[in-house]
Each structure stands twice: as C-alpha cells, then as structure tokens.
Amino acid sequence: MRREWELEDLIECWTLDEEEPALLANKSGATRLGFGLMLKFFELEVRFPRREDAPRPAGM
C-alpha cells in the first residue's frame, strides 16, 4: 500500500461508488467506517489489511 498519495488519487481510490453505501447501511459508528475502509482497501490490494498496514498515527 502506498504511503504517499496525491489528492486526486485519494478521491478516486477511497471514495465510495454509487452502490457501496448500501453495503454500509446496516452498520453504524466505528463499525461503518472500518467496514468502508476495509472494503476500499480490498478493492485496491485484493486482500484485507494486516495490522502492519496501518500507519502508526492510526493507533493500531
């Protein structure tokens, strides 16, 4: 996973598409955010994130 991102790349890669919000509809709070992040990570990397994939400031 890249560590340096341009704003345009962040928007393109990490914004939910038209159908994805429906997948988050039955989740709330941190669960909703975490699920959304894992969904987009999986889309980019074709795997789920490991603990070492999170940057230190994320507190994982």
C-alpha atoms as a PDB file:
ATOM      1  CA  MET A   1       0.000   0.000   0.000  1.00  0.00           C
ATOM      2  CA  ARG A   2       1.299   3.400  -0.940  1.00  0.00           C
ATOM      3  CA  ARG A   3       2.208   5.810   1.846  1.00  0.00           C
ATOM      4  CA  GLU A   4       2.231   8.986  -0.276  1.00  0.00           C
ATOM      5  CA  TRP A   5      -0.958   9.991  -2.079  1.00  0.00           C
ATOM      6  CA  GLU A   6      -1.919  12.863  -4.352  1.00  0.00           C
ATOM      7  CA  LEU A   7      -5.313  14.418  -3.573  1.00  0.00           C
ATOM      8  CA  GLU A   8      -6.792  13.251  -6.878  1.00  0.00           C
ATOM      9  CA  ASP A   9      -5.668   9.664  -6.200  1.00  0.00           C
ATOM     10  CA  LEU A  10      -7.172   9.729  -2.711  1.00  0.00           C
ATOM     11  CA  ILE A  11     -10.510  10.886  -4.059  1.00  0.00           C
ATOM     12  CA  GLU A  12     -10.507   8.370  -6.908  1.00  0.00           C
ATOM     13  CA  CYS A  13      -9.415   5.351  -4.863  1.00  0.00           C
ATOM     14  CA  TRP A  14     -11.087   5.929  -1.495  1.00  0.00           C
ATOM     15  CA  THR A  15     -14.486   7.428  -2.396  1.00  0.00           C
ATOM     16  CA  LEU A  16     -17.402   5.004  -2.248  1.00  0.00           C
ATOM     17  CA  ASP A  17     -19.061   4.362  -5.594  1.00  0.00           C
ATOM     18  CA  GLU A  18     -22.834   4.549  -6.170  1.00  0.00           C
ATOM     19  CA  GLU A  19     -23.593   1.011  -4.942  1.00  0.00           C
ATOM     20  CA  GLU A  20     -21.253   0.770  -1.950  1.00  0.00           C
ATOM     21  CA  PRO A  21     -23.186   2.928   0.557  1.00  0.00           C
ATOM     22  CA  ALA A  22     -25.910   0.267   0.528  1.00  0.00           C
ATOM     23  CA  LEU A  23     -23.358  -2.215   1.916  1.00  0.00           C
ATOM     24  CA  LEU A  24     -22.785   0.088   4.908  1.00  0.00           C
ATOM     25  CA  ALA A  25     -26.461   0.817   5.577  1.00  0.00           C
ATOM     26  CA  ASN A  26     -26.879  -1.672   8.443  1.00  0.00           C
ATOM     27  CA  LYS A  27     -23.692  -0.568  10.232  1.00  0.00           C
ATOM     28  CA  SER A  28     -23.108   2.412  12.499  1.00  0.00           C
ATOM     29  CA  GLY A  29     -20.281   4.435  14.035  1.00  0.00           C
ATOM     30  CA  ALA A  30     -16.789   2.979  14.006  1.00  0.00           C
ATOM     31  CA  THR A  31     -18.054  -0.288  12.516  1.00  0.00           C
ATOM     32  CA  ARG A  32     -19.360   1.585   9.490  1.00  0.00           C
ATOM     33  CA  LEU A  33     -16.108   3.479   8.994  1.00  0.00           C
ATOM     34  CA  GLY A  34     -13.975   0.357   9.484  1.00  0.00           C
ATOM     35  CA  PHE A  35     -16.069  -1.664   7.065  1.00  0.00           C
ATOM     36  CA  GLY A  36     -15.862   1.091   4.461  1.00  0.00           C
ATOM     37  CA  LEU A  37     -12.090   1.296   4.819  1.00  0.00           C
ATOM     38  CA  MET A  38     -11.668  -2.469   4.555  1.00  0.00           C
ATOM     39  CA  LEU A  39     -13.930  -2.526   1.501  1.00  0.00           C
ATOM     40  CA  LYS A  40     -11.848   0.074  -0.347  1.00  0.00           C
ATOM     41  CA  PHE A  41      -8.547  -1.475   0.820  1.00  0.00           C
ATOM     42  CA  PHE A  42      -9.680  -4.848  -0.507  1.00  0.00           C
ATOM     43  CA  GLU A  43     -10.645  -3.222  -3.790  1.00  0.00           C
ATOM     44  CA  LEU A  44      -7.132  -1.750  -4.140  1.00  0.00           C
ATOM     45  CA  GLU A  45      -4.983  -4.576  -2.765  1.00  0.00           C
ATOM     46  CA  VAL A  46      -7.137  -7.703  -3.317  1.00  0.00           C
ATOM     47  CA  ARG A  47      -6.632  -8.660   0.338  1.00  0.00           C
ATOM     48  CA  PHE A  48      -7.731  -7.387   3.717  1.00  0.00           C
ATOM     49  CA  PRO A  49      -5.358  -5.153   5.685  1.00  0.00           C
ATOM     50  CA  ARG A  50      -2.970  -6.580   8.247  1.00  0.00           C
ATOM     51  CA  ARG A  51      -2.059  -4.775  11.446  1.00  0.00           C
ATOM     52  CA  GLU A  52       1.269  -3.630   9.963  1.00  0.00           C
ATOM     53  CA  ASP A  53      -0.556  -1.973   7.041  1.00  0.00           C
ATOM     54  CA  ALA A  54      -1.962   0.746   9.306  1.00  0.00           C
ATOM     55  CA  PRO A  55       0.296   3.765   9.800  1.00  0.00           C
ATOM     56  CA  ARG A  56       1.450   4.406  13.382  1.00  0.00           C
ATOM     57  CA  PRO A  57      -0.721   7.528  13.824  1.00  0.00           C
ATOM     58  CA  ALA A  58      -3.781   5.323  13.265  1.00  0.00           C
ATOM     59  CA  GLY A  59      -3.058   3.774  16.668  1.00  0.00           C
ATOM     60  CA  MET A  60      -3.375   0.143  15.665  1.00  0.00           C
END
